[in-house]
C-alpha atoms as a PDB file:
ATOM      1  CA  MET A   1      83.948  91.353 159.912  1.00  0.00           C
ATOM      2  CA  ILE A   2      81.902  94.307 158.782  1.00  0.00           C
ATOM      3  CA  PHE A   3      84.454  95.045 155.948  1.00  0.00           C
ATOM      4  CA  ARG A   4      84.347  91.448 154.684  1.00  0.00           C
ATOM      5  CA  THR A   5      80.565  91.585 154.719  1.00  0.00           C
ATOM      6  CA  LEU A   6      80.573  94.770 152.593  1.00  0.00           C
ATOM      7  CA  THR A   7      82.966  93.156 150.120  1.00  0.00           C
ATOM      8  CA  ALA A   8      80.721  90.123 149.800  1.00  0.00           C
ATOM      9  CA  ILE A   9      77.682  92.343 149.211  1.00  0.00           C
ATOM     10  CA  ALA A  10      79.558  94.294 146.484  1.00  0.00           C
ATOM     11  CA  CYS A  11      80.496  91.069 144.718  1.00  0.00           C
ATOM     12  CA  ALA A  12      76.971  89.721 144.923  1.00  0.00           C
ATOM     13  CA  VAL A  13      75.089  92.895 143.926  1.00  0.00           C
ATOM     14  CA  GLY A  14      77.259  95.314 141.933  1.00  0.00           C
ATOM     15  CA  ILE A  15      80.011  93.144 140.435  1.00  0.00           C
ATOM     16  CA  ALA A  16      79.974  89.532 139.356  1.00  0.00           C
ATOM     17  CA  GLY A  17      82.782  86.981 139.547  1.00  0.00           C
ATOM     18  CA  CYS A  18      84.937  88.207 142.475  1.00  0.00           C
ATOM     19  CA  THR A  19      88.012  86.249 143.513  1.00  0.00           C
ATOM     20  CA  ALA A  20      89.956  87.520 146.519  1.00  0.00           C
ATOM     21  CA  SER A  21      93.505  87.573 147.789  1.00  0.00           C
ATOM     22  CA  SER A  22      94.841  89.612 150.673  1.00  0.00           C
ATOM     23  CA  GLY A  23      97.990  90.907 152.276  1.00  0.00           C
ATOM     24  CA  PRO A  24      98.855  92.698 155.506  1.00  0.00           C
ATOM     25  CA  ALA A  25      98.016  96.130 154.047  1.00  0.00           C
ATOM     26  CA  HIS A  26      95.629  95.390 151.224  1.00  0.00           C
ATOM     27  CA  ASN A  27      92.916  93.190 149.833  1.00  0.00           C
ATOM     28  CA  THR A  28      92.919  92.449 146.055  1.00  0.00           C
ATOM     29  CA  ASP A  29      89.995  91.081 144.060  1.00  0.00           C
ATOM     30  CA  ILE A  30      89.588  90.029 140.414  1.00  0.00           C
ATOM     31  CA  VAL A  31      86.120  91.146 139.370  1.00  0.00           C
ATOM     32  CA  THR A  32      83.850  91.198 136.360  1.00  0.00           C
ATOM     33  CA  LEU A  33      82.379  94.622 135.762  1.00  0.00           C
ATOM     34  CA  ALA A  34      78.773  95.271 134.804  1.00  0.00           C
ATOM     35  CA  ASN A  35      79.777  95.619 131.138  1.00  0.00           C
ATOM     36  CA  GLY A  36      81.346  92.156 131.182  1.00  0.00           C
ATOM     37  CA  ALA A  37      84.981  93.322 131.281  1.00  0.00           C
ATOM     38  CA  GLN A  38      87.313  91.949 133.943  1.00  0.00           C
ATOM     39  CA  ALA A  39      89.216  94.248 136.285  1.00  0.00           C
ATOM     40  CA  HIS A  40      91.223  94.208 139.491  1.00  0.00           C
ATOM     41  CA  ARG A  41      90.081  95.839 142.706  1.00  0.00           C
ATOM     42  CA  VAL A  42      92.535  96.709 145.446  1.00  0.00           C
ATOM     43  CA  GLN A  43      91.458  97.894 148.931  1.00  0.00           C
ATOM     44  CA  CYS A  44      93.876  99.553 151.333  1.00  0.00           C
ATOM     45  CA  LEU A  45      93.535  98.121 154.835  1.00  0.00           C
ATOM     46  CA  GLY A  46      94.625  99.129 158.293  1.00  0.00           C
ATOM     47  CA  LEU A  47      94.434 102.179 160.454  1.00  0.00           C
ATOM     48  CA  LEU A  48      97.552 103.903 159.080  1.00  0.00           C
ATOM     49  CA  GLU A  49      97.290 102.781 155.453  1.00  0.00           C
ATOM     50  CA  SER A  50      96.659 105.213 152.594  1.00  0.00           C
ATOM     51  CA  SER A  51      96.189 105.046 148.837  1.00  0.00           C
ATOM     52  CA  GLU A  52      99.989 104.632 148.523  1.00  0.00           C
ATOM     53  CA  ALA A  53      99.587 101.035 149.655  1.00  0.00           C
ATOM     54  CA  CYS A  54      96.996 100.565 146.908  1.00  0.00           C
ATOM     55  CA  MET A  55      99.343 102.024 144.281  1.00  0.00           C
ATOM     56  CA  SER A  56     102.154  99.699 145.366  1.00  0.00           C
ATOM     57  CA  GLU A  57      99.831  96.718 145.016  1.00  0.00           C
ATOM     58  CA  ILE A  58      98.664  97.942 141.594  1.00  0.00           C
ATOM     59  CA  LYS A  59     102.276  98.115 140.387  1.00  0.00           C
ATOM     60  CA  ARG A  60     102.918  94.614 141.708  1.00  0.00           C
ATOM     61  CA  VAL A  61      99.853  93.172 139.998  1.00  0.00           C
ATOM     62  CA  CYS A  62     100.431  94.818 136.613  1.00  0.00           C
ATOM     63  CA  GLY A  63     104.209  94.384 136.505  1.00  0.00           C
ATOM     64  CA  ASP A  64     105.465  95.589 133.099  1.00  0.00           C
ATOM     65  CA  GLN A  65     101.949  96.368 131.918  1.00  0.00           C
ATOM     66  CA  THR A  66     100.250  99.736 132.224  1.00  0.00           C
ATOM     67  CA  ALA A  67      97.604 100.157 134.918  1.00  0.00           C
ATOM     68  CA  VAL A  68      94.450 101.912 133.722  1.00  0.00           C
ATOM     69  CA  ARG A  69      92.202 103.079 136.529  1.00  0.00           C
ATOM     70  CA  VAL A  70      88.532 102.216 136.220  1.00  0.00           C
ATOM     71  CA  ALA A  71      87.331 104.022 139.364  1.00  0.00           C
ATOM     72  CA  LEU A  72      88.612 105.396 142.671  1.00  0.00           C
ATOM     73  CA  LEU A  73      86.035 105.241 145.433  1.00  0.00           C
ATOM     74  CA  ASP A  74      86.439 106.846 148.860  1.00  0.00           C
ATOM     75  CA  ARG A  75      83.503 105.414 150.652  1.00  0.00           C
ATOM     76  CA  SER A  76      82.255 106.072 154.159  1.00  0.00           C
ATOM     77  CA  THR A  77      80.090 103.397 155.647  1.00  0.00           C
ATOM     78  CA  SER A  78      77.878 104.153 158.595  1.00  0.00           C
ATOM     79  CA  GLY A  79      79.124 102.534 161.741  1.00  0.00           C
ATOM     80  CA  LEU A  80      82.795 102.747 160.721  1.00  0.00           C
ATOM     81  CA  LYS A  81      85.162 105.321 162.107  1.00  0.00           C
ATOM     82  CA  PRO A  82      86.598 107.756 159.513  1.00  0.00           C
ATOM     83  CA  GLU A  83      90.157 106.460 159.945  1.00  0.00           C
ATOM     84  CA  ASN A  84      88.967 102.976 159.060  1.00  0.00           C
ATOM     85  CA  ASP A  85      87.301 104.050 155.772  1.00  0.00           C
ATOM     86  CA  PRO A  86      88.543 101.718 152.989  1.00  0.00           C
ATOM     87  CA  ARG A  87      90.087 103.022 149.770  1.00  0.00           C
ATOM     88  CA  GLU A  88      89.067 101.033 146.733  1.00  0.00           C
ATOM     89  CA  ILE A  89      90.663 101.328 143.313  1.00  0.00           C
ATOM     90  CA  TYR A  90      89.377  99.453 140.280  1.00  0.00           C
ATOM     91  CA  PHE A  91      91.953  99.034 137.543  1.00  0.00           C
ATOM     92  CA  GLN A  92      92.914  96.979 134.511  1.00  0.00           C
ATOM     93  CA  CYS A  93      96.379  95.946 133.296  1.00  0.00           C
ATOM     94  CA  VAL A  94      96.940  96.593 129.619  1.00  0.00           C
ATOM     95  CA  THR A  95      99.915  96.082 127.340  1.00  0.00           C
ATOM     96  CA  PRO A  96     101.230  99.407 126.057  1.00  0.00           C
ATOM     97  CA  VAL A  97     100.700  99.899 122.348  1.00  0.00           C
ATOM     98  CA  ALA A  98     103.986 100.600 120.612  1.00  0.00           C
ATOM     99  CA  GLN A  99     103.841 103.915 118.869  1.00  0.00           C
ATOM    100  CA  GLN A 100     104.260 103.468 115.166  1.00  0.00           C
ATOM    101  CA  PRO A 101     106.919 105.683 113.641  1.00  0.00           C
ATOM    102  CA  VAL A 102     105.559 108.453 111.520  1.00  0.00           C
ATOM    103  CA  GLN A 103     106.183 107.615 107.922  1.00  0.00           C
ATOM    104  CA  ALA A 104     107.611 110.461 105.944  1.00  0.00           C
ATOM    105  CA  PRO A 105     105.514 111.219 102.898  1.00  0.00           C
ATOM    106  CA  ALA A 106     106.872 109.553  99.817  1.00  0.00           C
ATOM    107  CA  ALA A 107     108.756 111.856  97.524  1.00  0.00           C
ATOM    108  CA  PRO A 108     106.792 112.599  94.394  1.00  0.00           C
ATOM    109  CA  VAL A 109     107.930 110.594  91.425  1.00  0.00           C
ATOM    110  CA  PRO A 110     109.322 112.998  88.870  1.00  0.00           C
ATOM    111  CA  ALA A 111     107.638 112.969  85.523  1.00  0.00           C
ATOM    112  CA  PRO A 112     109.721 111.169  82.912  1.00  0.00           C
ATOM    113  CA  VAL A 113     111.757 113.464  80.763  1.00  0.00           C
ATOM    114  CA  PRO A 114     110.715 113.010  77.164  1.00  0.00           C
ATOM    115  CA  ALA A 115     113.431 111.791  74.869  1.00  0.00           C
ATOM    116  CA  PRO A 116     114.854 114.555  72.709  1.00  0.00           C
ATOM    117  CA  VAL A 117     113.482 114.724  69.197  1.00  0.00           C
ATOM    118  CA  PRO A 118     116.485 114.956  66.913  1.00  0.00           C
ATOM    119  CA  VAL A 119     116.683 117.505  64.151  1.00  0.00           C
ATOM    120  CA  ARG A 120     117.240 115.325  61.112  1.00  0.00           C
ATOM    121  CA  LYS A 121     118.458 117.950  58.708  1.00  0.00           C
ATOM    122  CA  VAL A 122     119.846 121.463  58.736  1.00  0.00           C
ATOM    123  CA  SER A 123     121.356 123.564  55.973  1.00  0.00           C
ATOM    124  CA  LEU A 124     123.839 126.413  56.166  1.00  0.00           C
ATOM    125  CA  GLN A 125     122.826 128.334  53.047  1.00  0.00           C
ATOM    126  CA  GLY A 126     123.919 131.683  51.677  1.00  0.00           C
ATOM    127  CA  ASP A 127     126.836 134.038  52.178  1.00  0.00           C
ATOM    128  CA  ALA A 128     126.111 134.737  55.880  1.00  0.00           C
ATOM    129  CA  ASN A 129     127.540 131.389  57.059  1.00  0.00           C
ATOM    130  CA  PHE A 130     131.144 131.579  55.780  1.00  0.00           C
ATOM    131  CA  ALA A 131     133.656 134.299  55.071  1.00  0.00           C
ATOM    132  CA  LEU A 132     134.129 135.043  51.369  1.00  0.00           C
ATOM    133  CA  ASN A 133     136.017 132.216  49.644  1.00  0.00           C
ATOM    134  CA  SER A 134     136.811 130.750  53.093  1.00  0.00           C
ATOM    135  CA  ALA A 135     135.805 127.796  55.243  1.00  0.00           C
ATOM    136  CA  LYS A 136     135.712 129.917  58.419  1.00  0.00           C
ATOM    137  CA  LEU A 137     132.297 129.781  60.117  1.00  0.00           C
ATOM    138  CA  THR A 138     130.564 133.061  60.949  1.00  0.00           C
ATOM    139  CA  PRO A 139     128.599 133.679  64.217  1.00  0.00           C
ATOM    140  CA  VAL A 140     125.407 133.167  62.206  1.00  0.00           C
ATOM    141  CA  ALA A 141     126.556 129.666  61.241  1.00  0.00           C
ATOM    142  CA  THR A 142     127.797 128.699  64.716  1.00  0.00           C
ATOM    143  CA  ALA A 143     124.450 129.777  66.240  1.00  0.00           C
ATOM    144  CA  LYS A 144     122.620 127.419  63.874  1.00  0.00           C
ATOM    145  CA  LEU A 145     125.062 124.615  64.644  1.00  0.00           C
ATOM    146  CA  ASP A 146     124.682 125.156  68.405  1.00  0.00           C
ATOM    147  CA  ASP A 147     120.920 124.686  68.076  1.00  0.00           C
ATOM    148  CA  PHE A 148     121.540 121.543  66.050  1.00  0.00           C
ATOM    149  CA  VAL A 149     123.883 120.126  68.694  1.00  0.00           C
ATOM    150  CA  ALA A 150     121.417 120.878  71.512  1.00  0.00           C
ATOM    151  CA  ALA A 151     118.601 119.137  69.633  1.00  0.00           C
ATOM    152  CA  ASN A 152     120.704 115.996  69.118  1.00  0.00           C
ATOM    153  CA  GLN A 153     122.338 115.613  72.544  1.00  0.00           C
ATOM    154  CA  GLY A 154     121.791 112.089  73.868  1.00  0.00           C
ATOM    155  CA  VAL A 155     120.590 110.804  70.494  1.00  0.00           C
ATOM    156  CA  ASP A 156     122.221 107.671  69.091  1.00  0.00           C
ATOM    157  CA  ILE A 157     123.380 108.885  65.691  1.00  0.00           C
ATOM    158  CA  GLU A 158     124.342 106.063  63.400  1.00  0.00           C
ATOM    159  CA  ARG A 159     125.468 108.216  60.534  1.00  0.00           C
ATOM    160  CA  MET A 160     126.125 111.914  60.099  1.00  0.00           C
ATOM    161  CA  THR A 161     126.278 113.145  56.496  1.00  0.00           C
ATOM    162  CA  ILE A 162     127.804 116.558  55.840  1.00  0.00           C
ATOM    163  CA  ALA A 163     127.831 117.696  52.200  1.00  0.00           C
ATOM    164  CA  GLY A 164     129.374 120.953  50.961  1.00  0.00           C
ATOM    165  CA  TYR A 165     128.335 122.746  47.724  1.00  0.00           C
ATOM    166  CA  THR A 166     129.274 125.905  45.807  1.00  0.00           C
ATOM    167  CA  ASP A 167     127.781 127.825  42.921  1.00  0.00           C
ATOM    168  CA  SER A 168     129.071 127.414  39.335  1.00  0.00           C
ATOM    169  CA  THR A 169     131.448 130.380  39.341  1.00  0.00           C
ATOM    170  CA  GLY A 170     135.156 129.581  39.565  1.00  0.00           C
ATOM    171  CA  SER A 171     136.997 126.478  38.498  1.00  0.00           C
ATOM    172  CA  ALA A 172     135.832 123.015  39.308  1.00  0.00           C
ATOM    173  CA  GLU A 173     139.023 122.370  41.269  1.00  0.00           C
ATOM    174  CA  LEU A 174     138.503 125.479  43.418  1.00  0.00           C
ATOM    175  CA  ASN A 175     134.847 124.703  43.997  1.00  0.00           C
ATOM    176  CA  ASN A 176     135.553 121.096  45.011  1.00  0.00           C
ATOM    177  CA  ARG A 177     138.301 122.136  47.410  1.00  0.00           C
ATOM    178  CA  LEU A 178     136.244 124.958  48.967  1.00  0.00           C
ATOM    179  CA  SER A 179     133.091 122.854  49.387  1.00  0.00           C
ATOM    180  CA  ALA A 180     135.081 120.020  51.027  1.00  0.00           C
ATOM    181  CA  ALA A 181     136.862 122.478  53.371  1.00  0.00           C
ATOM    182  CA  ARG A 182     133.540 123.971  54.472  1.00  0.00           C
ATOM    183  CA  ALA A 183     132.074 120.498  55.138  1.00  0.00           C
ATOM    184  CA  ARG A 184     135.088 119.561  57.259  1.00  0.00           C
ATOM    185  CA  SER A 185     134.833 122.857  59.143  1.00  0.00           C
ATOM    186  CA  VAL A 186     131.242 122.021  60.086  1.00  0.00           C
ATOM    187  CA  GLN A 187     132.242 118.490  61.162  1.00  0.00           C
ATOM    188  CA  SER A 188     135.024 119.834  63.363  1.00  0.00           C
ATOM    189  CA  TYR A 189     132.690 122.303  65.072  1.00  0.00           C
ATOM    190  CA  LEU A 190     130.018 119.652  65.753  1.00  0.00           C
ATOM    191  CA  ALA A 191     132.522 117.155  67.143  1.00  0.00           C
ATOM    192  CA  THR A 192     134.151 119.786  69.364  1.00  0.00           C
ATOM    193  CA  ALA A 193     130.695 120.725  70.668  1.00  0.00           C
ATOM    194  CA  GLY A 194     130.190 117.113  71.821  1.00  0.00           C
ATOM    195  CA  LEU A 195     128.075 115.622  69.052  1.00  0.00           C
ATOM    196  CA  ARG A 196     128.900 111.965  68.449  1.00  0.00           C
ATOM    197  CA  ALA A 197     128.063 109.671  65.554  1.00  0.00           C
ATOM    198  CA  SER A 198     129.013 106.109  64.729  1.00  0.00           C
ATOM    199  CA  LYS A 199     130.002 107.196  61.228  1.00  0.00           C
ATOM    200  CA  TRP A 200     130.797 110.556  59.641  1.00  0.00           C
ATOM    201  CA  ASP A 201     130.305 110.977  55.904  1.00  0.00           C
ATOM    202  CA  VAL A 202     131.915 114.299  54.966  1.00  0.00           C
ATOM    203  CA  GLU A 203     132.253 115.290  51.304  1.00  0.00           C
ATOM    204  CA  GLY A 204     132.593 118.344  49.076  1.00  0.00           C
ATOM    205  CA  TYR A 205     130.669 118.239  45.785  1.00  0.00           C
ATOM    206  CA  GLY A 206     131.597 121.598  44.261  1.00  0.00           C
ATOM    207  CA  SER A 207     128.878 123.010  41.993  1.00  0.00           C
ATOM    208  CA  ALA A 208     127.052 119.693  41.606  1.00  0.00           C
ATOM    209  CA  SER A 209     123.370 119.355  42.548  1.00  0.00           C
ATOM    210  CA  PRO A 210     122.304 123.023  42.461  1.00  0.00           C
ATOM    211  CA  VAL A 211     119.034 123.869  44.243  1.00  0.00           C
ATOM    212  CA  ALA A 212     118.502 127.091  42.297  1.00  0.00           C
ATOM    213  CA  SER A 213     119.579 128.743  39.062  1.00  0.00           C
ATOM    214  CA  ASN A 214     123.191 129.916  38.877  1.00  0.00           C
ATOM    215  CA  ALA A 215     122.088 132.628  36.425  1.00  0.00           C
ATOM    216  CA  THR A 216     121.010 134.962  39.272  1.00  0.00           C
ATOM    217  CA  ALA A 217     122.758 136.222  42.408  1.00  0.00           C
ATOM    218  CA  ILE A 218     119.940 134.946  44.575  1.00  0.00           C
ATOM    219  CA  GLY A 219     120.134 131.502  42.991  1.00  0.00           C
ATOM    220  CA  ARG A 220     123.928 131.336  43.330  1.00  0.00           C
ATOM    221  CA  ALA A 221     123.637 132.257  47.036  1.00  0.00           C
ATOM    222  CA  LYS A 222     121.224 129.361  47.592  1.00  0.00           C
ATOM    223  CA  ASN A 223     123.643 126.970  45.868  1.00  0.00           C
ATOM    224  CA  ARG A 224     126.479 127.946  48.234  1.00  0.00           C
ATOM    225  CA  ARG A 225     125.549 125.731  51.131  1.00  0.00           C
ATOM    226  CA  VAL A 226     126.477 122.920  53.569  1.00  0.00           C
ATOM    227  CA  GLU A 227     123.777 120.322  54.243  1.00  0.00           C
ATOM    228  CA  ILE A 228     123.791 118.197  57.414  1.00  0.00           C
ATOM    229  CA  GLN A 229     121.774 115.008  57.551  1.00  0.00           C
ATOM    230  CA  VAL A 230     121.235 112.708  60.598  1.00  0.00           C
ATOM    231  CA  ASP A 231     120.495 109.008  60.135  1.00  0.00           C
ATOM    232  CA  GLY A 232     119.668 106.679  63.017  1.00  0.00           C
ATOM    233  CA  LYS A 233     117.576 106.799  66.183  1.00  0.00           C
END
């Protein structure tokens, strides 16, 4: 009787909105706290009961939800024997929040690789590019051609023009044959190195179209040349 009276006083003074249910070892209330939130209150009853009975009732009330304790009060009331002191636990049942998976940081987007700028024209000029009276390329010439190939890798070449020239010394027949052989030698090297073109225009023009005077050694050296021209994107 005294315990029920204390419960009624608590509902009337400290907590609003109590509703009660009881069992053989506990008393459970649904209460409204001072801050307006609703909570459950379980009281362990009986001479031999302990807080374990309260915890069992809490698990039953919350079920699959998580019990969050609001307060645990061990209260002694004058006039009651110590073994009859009630244990009161205030708690709320909450739904566990699913932990969001940690998102891995997005990989940085690589900067776009600029399209290669093709070398439109290169000239193998002078005696350093071919052996004397031969179409065999020297290391100086192959180094220049390697740079040309690297600059035009991945470029859509519509037309590749390779034109061979000689100076005015020697017969026209010899000069035409030698200039054509040197142009074909350059084409073969470029193709073997992986350069591709939709069309190859390879010709030998002998001593035609000089770029310098054939009257001097320096001028004749400039006229002995192979010119490479790229057309297309």
